[in-house]
Amino acid sequence: MALINQASGIRHQASGIRHQASGIRHQASGIRHQLILTTITVLSTIIVNSGLQLFNTHQTMYPIDSHLATSPTQYLMMGAQGNGGYSLEDVLSNINDPDKQSLPRKNINEYLNRVQKMGIFGYPKFLANKFYQTNSDGSFGWGTEGGPDFINQNTRPYSDDFGGLLRRFYWPLGDLAYIFFTIAQMSWILITILLVLSFKKIERLTLLTKNWLYLTIIGANVFLLLFEAGRSRFLIQFLPVYIIPLTIVVTAILYPQNTKLTSN
């Protein structure tokens, strides 16, 4: 009987070892899957970027004037003045500077000087206001971008056809434009609330997907806080990412019994 019990114990230990080995293999498979996805993402980014650089070097459709080139740090400097938006003065200072090689250093120094002038309490206050200005407008700056001549009522007057009716709604000076702006703002408030609620649903996604969404959303807002922003149109480039958690939470609300999108 003792031998039988001992053999049973050995089989139980062997079964436990096999279970642990299976878990290790499953974990290793998950790590390989993440490494493959990461490698594909990095290689795709390099290939696309290289292709765009090659195209710009050889294309003749639109001439590129290298004398008008500015440093990317210009947008960092620009993001620390006014409400963090566009500054023609900063643009011209970069374009007219003959020493293009030193522009990155000059722009960073000017950025640090502006932050220092705001002070330890002033800069956080500035960032809070910039965050509000960037995220508050549900129309994404419709009618205020592109200068006063971007939409000119004199060149495209109202008419009695369907196009004229539409322009009454979405034209900035249309007599019914307040309806469009109200709908846009209420929709954006609802979307913001749903995005906040979506964080609970994001927690049920796989670790890789969850971290990707968190890092992208947080990183996007940090990027807009540091660089040129201060206007809601800068959010348009990140809307495809916002749509993902928004879709998840809307699906969970409409189909609460369906757990396929919210389970590991």
C-alpha atoms as a PDB file:
ATOM      1  CA  MET A   1       0.000   0.000   0.000  1.00  0.00           C
ATOM      2  CA  ALA A   2       2.883   2.331   0.810  1.00  0.00           C
ATOM      3  CA  LEU A   3       4.370   1.680  -2.601  1.00  0.00           C
ATOM      4  CA  ILE A   4       1.054   2.470  -4.235  1.00  0.00           C
ATOM      5  CA  ASN A   5       0.769   5.740  -2.319  1.00  0.00           C
ATOM      6  CA  GLN A   6       4.344   6.628  -3.189  1.00  0.00           C
ATOM      7  CA  ALA A   7       3.735   5.923  -6.881  1.00  0.00           C
ATOM      8  CA  SER A   8       0.582   8.035  -6.756  1.00  0.00           C
ATOM      9  CA  GLY A   9       2.535  10.867  -5.224  1.00  0.00           C
ATOM     10  CA  ILE A  10       5.187  10.632  -7.910  1.00  0.00           C
ATOM     11  CA  ARG A  11       2.534  10.738 -10.620  1.00  0.00           C
ATOM     12  CA  HIS A  12       0.957  13.778  -8.955  1.00  0.00           C
ATOM     13  CA  GLN A  13       4.342  15.541  -8.861  1.00  0.00           C
ATOM     14  CA  ALA A  14       4.981  14.641 -12.499  1.00  0.00           C
ATOM     15  CA  SER A  15       1.574  16.033 -13.416  1.00  0.00           C
ATOM     16  CA  GLY A  16       2.402  19.261 -11.585  1.00  0.00           C
ATOM     17  CA  ILE A  17       5.728  19.531 -13.390  1.00  0.00           C
ATOM     18  CA  ARG A  18       4.009  19.016 -16.738  1.00  0.00           C
ATOM     19  CA  HIS A  19       1.467  21.707 -15.812  1.00  0.00           C
ATOM     20  CA  GLN A  20       4.256  24.141 -14.907  1.00  0.00           C
ATOM     21  CA  ALA A  21       6.103  23.341 -18.128  1.00  0.00           C
ATOM     22  CA  SER A  22       2.918  23.967 -20.086  1.00  0.00           C
ATOM     23  CA  GLY A  23       2.496  27.328 -18.351  1.00  0.00           C
ATOM     24  CA  ILE A  24       6.088  28.282 -19.133  1.00  0.00           C
ATOM     25  CA  ARG A  25       5.620  27.330 -22.777  1.00  0.00           C
ATOM     26  CA  HIS A  26       2.408  29.385 -22.909  1.00  0.00           C
ATOM     27  CA  GLN A  27       4.184  32.391 -21.347  1.00  0.00           C
ATOM     28  CA  ALA A  28       7.101  32.037 -23.749  1.00  0.00           C
ATOM     29  CA  SER A  29       4.666  31.881 -26.649  1.00  0.00           C
ATOM     30  CA  GLY A  30       3.046  35.117 -25.460  1.00  0.00           C
ATOM     31  CA  ILE A  31       6.434  36.833 -25.187  1.00  0.00           C
ATOM     32  CA  ARG A  32       7.368  35.684 -28.693  1.00  0.00           C
ATOM     33  CA  HIS A  33       4.040  37.003 -29.978  1.00  0.00           C
ATOM     34  CA  GLN A  34       4.668  40.422 -28.412  1.00  0.00           C
ATOM     35  CA  LEU A  35       8.233  40.505 -29.758  1.00  0.00           C
ATOM     36  CA  ILE A  36       6.995  39.663 -33.249  1.00  0.00           C
ATOM     37  CA  LEU A  37       4.362  42.421 -33.122  1.00  0.00           C
ATOM     38  CA  THR A  38       6.899  44.918 -31.793  1.00  0.00           C
ATOM     39  CA  THR A  39       9.400  43.976 -34.493  1.00  0.00           C
ATOM     40  CA  ILE A  40       6.767  44.296 -37.221  1.00  0.00           C
ATOM     41  CA  THR A  41       5.728  47.720 -35.888  1.00  0.00           C
ATOM     42  CA  VAL A  42       9.298  49.015 -35.734  1.00  0.00           C
ATOM     43  CA  LEU A  43      10.207  47.669 -39.168  1.00  0.00           C
ATOM     44  CA  SER A  44       6.993  49.062 -40.696  1.00  0.00           C
ATOM     45  CA  THR A  45       7.725  52.479 -39.223  1.00  0.00           C
ATOM     46  CA  ILE A  46      11.287  52.445 -40.572  1.00  0.00           C
ATOM     47  CA  ILE A  47      10.156  51.298 -44.032  1.00  0.00           C
ATOM     48  CA  VAL A  48       7.375  53.891 -44.287  1.00  0.00           C
ATOM     49  CA  ASN A  49       9.614  56.692 -43.029  1.00  0.00           C
ATOM     50  CA  SER A  50      12.417  55.708 -45.409  1.00  0.00           C
ATOM     51  CA  GLY A  51       9.963  55.558 -48.303  1.00  0.00           C
ATOM     52  CA  LEU A  52       8.636  59.032 -47.522  1.00  0.00           C
ATOM     53  CA  GLN A  53      12.152  60.438 -47.273  1.00  0.00           C
ATOM     54  CA  LEU A  54      13.077  58.845 -50.595  1.00  0.00           C
ATOM     55  CA  PHE A  55       9.926  60.203 -52.213  1.00  0.00           C
ATOM     56  CA  ASN A  56      10.577  63.729 -50.950  1.00  0.00           C
ATOM     57  CA  THR A  57      14.123  63.571 -52.248  1.00  0.00           C
ATOM     58  CA  HIS A  58      13.118  62.653 -55.804  1.00  0.00           C
ATOM     59  CA  GLN A  59       9.627  64.114 -56.242  1.00  0.00           C
ATOM     60  CA  THR A  60       9.191  67.084 -58.583  1.00  0.00           C
ATOM     61  CA  MET A  61       5.480  67.796 -58.094  1.00  0.00           C
ATOM     62  CA  TYR A  62       6.075  70.280 -55.304  1.00  0.00           C
ATOM     63  CA  PRO A  63       9.435  72.055 -54.932  1.00  0.00           C
ATOM     64  CA  ILE A  64      10.908  72.000 -51.445  1.00  0.00           C
ATOM     65  CA  ASP A  65      12.825  75.109 -50.432  1.00  0.00           C
ATOM     66  CA  SER A  66      15.438  73.950 -47.910  1.00  0.00           C
ATOM     67  CA  HIS A  67      16.117  77.576 -46.944  1.00  0.00           C
ATOM     68  CA  LEU A  68      12.694  77.662 -45.267  1.00  0.00           C
ATOM     69  CA  ALA A  69      13.491  74.591 -43.171  1.00  0.00           C
ATOM     70  CA  THR A  70      13.026  74.950 -39.431  1.00  0.00           C
ATOM     71  CA  SER A  71      13.944  72.774 -36.473  1.00  0.00           C
ATOM     72  CA  PRO A  72      11.281  70.547 -34.858  1.00  0.00           C
ATOM     73  CA  THR A  73      12.239  72.198 -31.574  1.00  0.00           C
ATOM     74  CA  GLN A  74      10.522  75.301 -32.919  1.00  0.00           C
ATOM     75  CA  TYR A  75       7.200  73.721 -31.954  1.00  0.00           C
ATOM     76  CA  LEU A  76       8.468  73.051 -28.434  1.00  0.00           C
ATOM     77  CA  MET A  77       9.408  76.724 -28.086  1.00  0.00           C
ATOM     78  CA  MET A  78       6.084  77.731 -29.624  1.00  0.00           C
ATOM     79  CA  GLY A  79       4.203  75.553 -27.150  1.00  0.00           C
ATOM     80  CA  ALA A  80       5.393  77.672 -24.222  1.00  0.00           C
ATOM     81  CA  GLN A  81       3.949  81.072 -25.180  1.00  0.00           C
ATOM     82  CA  GLY A  82       0.481  82.628 -25.358  1.00  0.00           C
ATOM     83  CA  ASN A  83      -1.925  79.748 -24.980  1.00  0.00           C
ATOM     84  CA  GLY A  84       0.543  77.307 -26.523  1.00  0.00           C
ATOM     85  CA  GLY A  85      -0.661  77.853 -30.083  1.00  0.00           C
ATOM     86  CA  TYR A  86       0.777  79.132 -33.351  1.00  0.00           C
ATOM     87  CA  SER A  87       3.213  82.038 -33.212  1.00  0.00           C
ATOM     88  CA  LEU A  88       4.192  83.793 -36.444  1.00  0.00           C
ATOM     89  CA  GLU A  89       7.004  85.546 -34.588  1.00  0.00           C
ATOM     90  CA  ASP A  90       8.580  82.196 -33.638  1.00  0.00           C
ATOM     91  CA  VAL A  91       8.203  80.878 -37.184  1.00  0.00           C
ATOM     92  CA  LEU A  92       9.858  83.931 -38.744  1.00  0.00           C
ATOM     93  CA  SER A  93      12.667  83.878 -36.196  1.00  0.00           C
ATOM     94  CA  ASN A  94      13.539  80.331 -37.296  1.00  0.00           C
ATOM     95  CA  ILE A  95      13.167  81.007 -41.016  1.00  0.00           C
ATOM     96  CA  ASN A  96      15.266  84.185 -40.940  1.00  0.00           C
ATOM     97  CA  ASP A  97      18.005  82.769 -38.750  1.00  0.00           C
ATOM     98  CA  PRO A  98      21.037  82.173 -41.020  1.00  0.00           C
ATOM     99  CA  ASP A  99      22.625  79.732 -38.579  1.00  0.00           C
ATOM    100  CA  LYS A 100      20.354  76.721 -39.137  1.00  0.00           C
ATOM    101  CA  GLN A 101      22.725  74.358 -37.342  1.00  0.00           C
ATOM    102  CA  SER A 102      22.270  76.112 -34.005  1.00  0.00           C
ATOM    103  CA  LEU A 103      18.475  76.424 -34.221  1.00  0.00           C
ATOM    104  CA  PRO A 104      17.716  73.328 -32.106  1.00  0.00           C
ATOM    105  CA  ARG A 105      19.863  74.621 -29.251  1.00  0.00           C
ATOM    106  CA  LYS A 106      18.480  78.181 -29.546  1.00  0.00           C
ATOM    107  CA  ASN A 107      14.878  76.973 -29.541  1.00  0.00           C
ATOM    108  CA  ILE A 108      15.397  74.727 -26.521  1.00  0.00           C
ATOM    109  CA  ASN A 109      17.111  77.560 -24.633  1.00  0.00           C
ATOM    110  CA  GLU A 110      14.220  79.896 -25.442  1.00  0.00           C
ATOM    111  CA  TYR A 111      11.744  77.217 -24.307  1.00  0.00           C
ATOM    112  CA  LEU A 112      13.598  76.869 -20.989  1.00  0.00           C
ATOM    113  CA  ASN A 113      13.702  80.660 -20.586  1.00  0.00           C
ATOM    114  CA  ARG A 114       9.939  80.917 -21.114  1.00  0.00           C
ATOM    115  CA  VAL A 115       9.248  78.138 -18.624  1.00  0.00           C
ATOM    116  CA  GLN A 116      11.580  79.764 -16.102  1.00  0.00           C
ATOM    117  CA  LYS A 117       9.803  83.112 -16.472  1.00  0.00           C
ATOM    118  CA  MET A 118       6.447  81.453 -15.745  1.00  0.00           C
ATOM    119  CA  GLY A 119       7.820  80.062 -12.498  1.00  0.00           C
ATOM    120  CA  ILE A 120       7.178  76.913 -10.524  1.00  0.00           C
ATOM    121  CA  PHE A 121       3.469  77.728 -10.125  1.00  0.00           C
ATOM    122  CA  GLY A 122       2.919  79.620 -13.344  1.00  0.00           C
ATOM    123  CA  TYR A 123       3.966  76.833 -15.703  1.00  0.00           C
ATOM    124  CA  PRO A 124       1.563  74.203 -14.267  1.00  0.00           C
ATOM    125  CA  LYS A 125      -1.203  76.821 -14.475  1.00  0.00           C
ATOM    126  CA  PHE A 126      -0.214  77.488 -18.083  1.00  0.00           C
ATOM    127  CA  LEU A 127      -0.327  73.751 -18.876  1.00  0.00           C
ATOM    128  CA  ALA A 128      -3.735  73.375 -17.236  1.00  0.00           C
ATOM    129  CA  ASN A 129      -5.129  76.206 -19.367  1.00  0.00           C
ATOM    130  CA  LYS A 130      -3.461  74.759 -22.463  1.00  0.00           C
ATOM    131  CA  PHE A 131      -4.990  71.355 -21.757  1.00  0.00           C
ATOM    132  CA  TYR A 132      -8.423  72.965 -21.444  1.00  0.00           C
ATOM    133  CA  GLN A 133      -7.988  74.973 -24.652  1.00  0.00           C
ATOM    134  CA  THR A 134      -6.871  71.842 -26.505  1.00  0.00           C
ATOM    135  CA  ASN A 135      -9.665  69.557 -25.310  1.00  0.00           C
ATOM    136  CA  SER A 136     -12.668  71.836 -24.805  1.00  0.00           C
ATOM    137  CA  ASP A 137     -13.970  72.610 -28.312  1.00  0.00           C
ATOM    138  CA  GLY A 138     -16.290  69.996 -29.770  1.00  0.00           C
ATOM    139  CA  SER A 139     -16.182  71.621 -33.220  1.00  0.00           C
ATOM    140  CA  PHE A 140     -12.359  71.282 -33.289  1.00  0.00           C
ATOM    141  CA  GLY A 141     -11.925  74.957 -34.087  1.00  0.00           C
ATOM    142  CA  TRP A 142     -14.360  75.028 -36.989  1.00  0.00           C
ATOM    143  CA  GLY A 143     -14.510  78.496 -38.502  1.00  0.00           C
ATOM    144  CA  THR A 144     -11.512  79.853 -36.611  1.00  0.00           C
ATOM    145  CA  GLU A 145      -8.674  77.970 -38.320  1.00  0.00           C
ATOM    146  CA  GLY A 146      -6.889  79.058 -41.473  1.00  0.00           C
ATOM    147  CA  GLY A 147      -7.323  82.788 -40.964  1.00  0.00           C
ATOM    148  CA  PRO A 148     -10.320  85.050 -41.672  1.00  0.00           C
ATOM    149  CA  ASP A 149     -10.353  84.251 -45.401  1.00  0.00           C
ATOM    150  CA  PHE A 150     -10.446  80.473 -44.998  1.00  0.00           C
ATOM    151  CA  ILE A 151     -14.210  80.609 -45.473  1.00  0.00           C
ATOM    152  CA  ASN A 152     -15.321  83.723 -47.303  1.00  0.00           C
ATOM    153  CA  GLN A 153     -19.045  84.318 -47.411  1.00  0.00           C
ATOM    154  CA  ASN A 154     -18.669  86.766 -50.301  1.00  0.00           C
ATOM    155  CA  THR A 155     -17.242  84.150 -52.666  1.00  0.00           C
ATOM    156  CA  ARG A 156     -19.715  81.408 -51.746  1.00  0.00           C
ATOM    157  CA  PRO A 157     -23.054  83.075 -51.009  1.00  0.00           C
ATOM    158  CA  TYR A 158     -26.118  81.311 -49.738  1.00  0.00           C
ATOM    159  CA  SER A 159     -28.503  79.776 -52.249  1.00  0.00           C
ATOM    160  CA  ASP A 160     -31.925  78.159 -52.214  1.00  0.00           C
ATOM    161  CA  ASP A 161     -30.653  74.675 -53.073  1.00  0.00           C
ATOM    162  CA  PHE A 162     -29.673  71.909 -50.639  1.00  0.00           C
ATOM    163  CA  GLY A 163     -26.085  73.174 -50.470  1.00  0.00           C
ATOM    164  CA  GLY A 164     -27.336  76.570 -49.378  1.00  0.00           C
ATOM    165  CA  LEU A 165     -29.411  74.948 -46.629  1.00  0.00           C
ATOM    166  CA  LEU A 166     -26.358  73.051 -45.376  1.00  0.00           C
ATOM    167  CA  ARG A 167     -24.263  76.214 -45.327  1.00  0.00           C
ATOM    168  CA  ARG A 168     -26.848  77.831 -43.090  1.00  0.00           C
ATOM    169  CA  PHE A 169     -25.996  75.127 -40.523  1.00  0.00           C
ATOM    170  CA  TYR A 170     -22.233  74.688 -40.770  1.00  0.00           C
ATOM    171  CA  TRP A 171     -21.122  78.074 -42.164  1.00  0.00           C
ATOM    172  CA  PRO A 172     -19.613  80.000 -39.198  1.00  0.00           C
ATOM    173  CA  LEU A 173     -21.829  83.021 -39.940  1.00  0.00           C
ATOM    174  CA  GLY A 174     -24.879  80.974 -40.945  1.00  0.00           C
ATOM    175  CA  ASP A 175     -28.122  81.895 -39.252  1.00  0.00           C
ATOM    176  CA  LEU A 176     -28.496  78.278 -38.029  1.00  0.00           C
ATOM    177  CA  ALA A 177     -24.823  77.714 -37.166  1.00  0.00           C
ATOM    178  CA  TYR A 178     -25.614  77.761 -33.447  1.00  0.00           C
ATOM    179  CA  ILE A 179     -27.414  74.437 -33.939  1.00  0.00           C
ATOM    180  CA  PHE A 180     -24.290  72.843 -35.414  1.00  0.00           C
ATOM    181  CA  PHE A 181     -22.016  74.188 -32.668  1.00  0.00           C
ATOM    182  CA  THR A 182     -24.453  73.084 -29.950  1.00  0.00           C
ATOM    183  CA  ILE A 183     -24.705  69.552 -31.361  1.00  0.00           C
ATOM    184  CA  ALA A 184     -20.921  69.363 -31.796  1.00  0.00           C
ATOM    185  CA  GLN A 185     -20.262  70.505 -28.224  1.00  0.00           C
ATOM    186  CA  MET A 186     -22.871  68.221 -26.646  1.00  0.00           C
ATOM    187  CA  SER A 187     -21.542  65.291 -28.682  1.00  0.00           C
ATOM    188  CA  TRP A 188     -17.979  65.995 -27.543  1.00  0.00           C
ATOM    189  CA  ILE A 189     -19.076  66.186 -23.884  1.00  0.00           C
ATOM    190  CA  LEU A 190     -20.828  62.812 -24.259  1.00  0.00           C
ATOM    191  CA  ILE A 191     -17.786  61.318 -25.993  1.00  0.00           C
ATOM    192  CA  THR A 192     -15.513  62.591 -23.197  1.00  0.00           C
ATOM    193  CA  ILE A 193     -17.736  60.984 -20.551  1.00  0.00           C
ATOM    194  CA  LEU A 194     -17.762  57.694 -22.470  1.00  0.00           C
ATOM    195  CA  LEU A 195     -13.974  57.812 -22.818  1.00  0.00           C
ATOM    196  CA  VAL A 196     -13.644  58.141 -19.037  1.00  0.00           C
ATOM    197  CA  LEU A 197     -16.013  55.196 -18.550  1.00  0.00           C
ATOM    198  CA  SER A 198     -14.047  53.160 -21.087  1.00  0.00           C
ATOM    199  CA  PHE A 199     -11.011  52.893 -18.795  1.00  0.00           C
ATOM    200  CA  LYS A 200     -12.806  50.212 -16.793  1.00  0.00           C
ATOM    201  CA  LYS A 201     -13.407  48.240 -19.980  1.00  0.00           C
ATOM    202  CA  ILE A 202      -9.832  48.749 -21.179  1.00  0.00           C
ATOM    203  CA  GLU A 203      -8.642  46.962 -18.027  1.00  0.00           C
ATOM    204  CA  ARG A 204     -10.232  43.746 -19.344  1.00  0.00           C
ATOM    205  CA  LEU A 205      -8.242  43.789 -22.573  1.00  0.00           C
ATOM    206  CA  THR A 206      -5.012  41.888 -23.085  1.00  0.00           C
ATOM    207  CA  LEU A 207      -1.977  43.439 -21.432  1.00  0.00           C
ATOM    208  CA  LEU A 208      -0.391  44.440 -24.745  1.00  0.00           C
ATOM    209  CA  THR A 209      -3.529  46.143 -26.097  1.00  0.00           C
ATOM    210  CA  LYS A 210      -4.299  47.824 -22.777  1.00  0.00           C
ATOM    211  CA  ASN A 211      -0.782  49.246 -22.411  1.00  0.00           C
ATOM    212  CA  TRP A 212      -0.797  50.411 -26.037  1.00  0.00           C
ATOM    213  CA  LEU A 213      -4.034  52.344 -25.519  1.00  0.00           C
ATOM    214  CA  TYR A 214      -2.910  53.834 -22.206  1.00  0.00           C
ATOM    215  CA  LEU A 215       0.475  54.919 -23.535  1.00  0.00           C
ATOM    216  CA  THR A 216      -1.011  56.336 -26.747  1.00  0.00           C
ATOM    217  CA  ILE A 217      -3.743  58.391 -25.055  1.00  0.00           C
ATOM    218  CA  ILE A 218      -1.489  59.652 -22.262  1.00  0.00           C
ATOM    219  CA  GLY A 219       1.414  60.220 -24.656  1.00  0.00           C
ATOM    220  CA  ALA A 220      -0.800  62.164 -27.061  1.00  0.00           C
ATOM    221  CA  ASN A 221      -1.870  64.575 -24.339  1.00  0.00           C
ATOM    222  CA  VAL A 222       1.670  64.985 -23.007  1.00  0.00           C
ATOM    223  CA  PHE A 223       2.848  65.697 -26.558  1.00  0.00           C
ATOM    224  CA  LEU A 224       0.167  68.372 -27.009  1.00  0.00           C
ATOM    225  CA  LEU A 225       1.019  69.911 -23.636  1.00  0.00           C
ATOM    226  CA  LEU A 226       4.675  70.306 -24.590  1.00  0.00           C
ATOM    227  CA  PHE A 227       4.475  71.256 -28.271  1.00  0.00           C
ATOM    228  CA  GLU A 228       2.284  73.587 -30.317  1.00  0.00           C
ATOM    229  CA  ALA A 229      -1.379  73.014 -29.461  1.00  0.00           C
ATOM    230  CA  GLY A 230      -3.871  75.106 -27.497  1.00  0.00           C
ATOM    231  CA  ARG A 231      -6.570  74.436 -30.102  1.00  0.00           C
ATOM    232  CA  SER A 232      -8.839  71.416 -30.372  1.00  0.00           C
ATOM    233  CA  ARG A 233      -8.027  70.754 -34.017  1.00  0.00           C
ATOM    234  CA  PHE A 234      -4.770  69.193 -32.838  1.00  0.00           C
ATOM    235  CA  LEU A 235      -6.836  66.324 -31.402  1.00  0.00           C
ATOM    236  CA  ILE A 236      -8.026  65.301 -34.880  1.00  0.00           C
ATOM    237  CA  GLN A 237      -4.804  63.386 -35.540  1.00  0.00           C
ATOM    238  CA  PHE A 238      -5.459  61.217 -32.470  1.00  0.00           C
ATOM    239  CA  LEU A 239      -9.173  60.569 -33.018  1.00  0.00           C
ATOM    240  CA  PRO A 240      -8.590  57.103 -34.572  1.00  0.00           C
ATOM    241  CA  VAL A 241      -7.050  56.017 -31.250  1.00  0.00           C
ATOM    242  CA  TYR A 242      -9.881  57.575 -29.223  1.00  0.00           C
ATOM    243  CA  ILE A 243     -12.409  55.702 -31.340  1.00  0.00           C
ATOM    244  CA  ILE A 244     -11.100  52.320 -30.128  1.00  0.00           C
ATOM    245  CA  PRO A 245     -11.986  52.665 -26.399  1.00  0.00           C
ATOM    246  CA  LEU A 246     -15.109  54.600 -27.368  1.00  0.00           C
ATOM    247  CA  THR A 247     -16.269  51.683 -29.506  1.00  0.00           C
ATOM    248  CA  ILE A 248     -15.528  49.243 -26.678  1.00  0.00           C
ATOM    249  CA  VAL A 249     -17.606  51.098 -24.091  1.00  0.00           C
ATOM    250  CA  VAL A 250     -20.497  51.769 -26.505  1.00  0.00           C
ATOM    251  CA  THR A 251     -20.565  48.064 -27.429  1.00  0.00           C
ATOM    252  CA  ALA A 252     -20.577  47.139 -23.738  1.00  0.00           C
ATOM    253  CA  ILE A 253     -23.511  49.494 -23.118  1.00  0.00           C
ATOM    254  CA  LEU A 254     -25.556  48.328 -26.093  1.00  0.00           C
ATOM    255  CA  TYR A 255     -24.693  44.632 -25.705  1.00  0.00           C
ATOM    256  CA  PRO A 256     -23.981  44.054 -21.995  1.00  0.00           C
ATOM    257  CA  GLN A 257     -24.156  40.253 -22.381  1.00  0.00           C
ATOM    258  CA  ASN A 258     -21.472  40.182 -25.062  1.00  0.00           C
ATOM    259  CA  THR A 259     -18.081  39.801 -23.334  1.00  0.00           C
ATOM    260  CA  LYS A 260     -15.971  38.902 -26.364  1.00  0.00           C
ATOM    261  CA  LEU A 261     -14.479  42.400 -26.667  1.00  0.00           C
ATOM    262  CA  THR A 262     -13.922  42.864 -22.945  1.00  0.00           C
ATOM    263  CA  SER A 263     -12.349  39.586 -21.852  1.00  0.00           C
ATOM    264  CA  ASN A 264      -8.749  38.392 -21.929  1.00  0.00           C
END
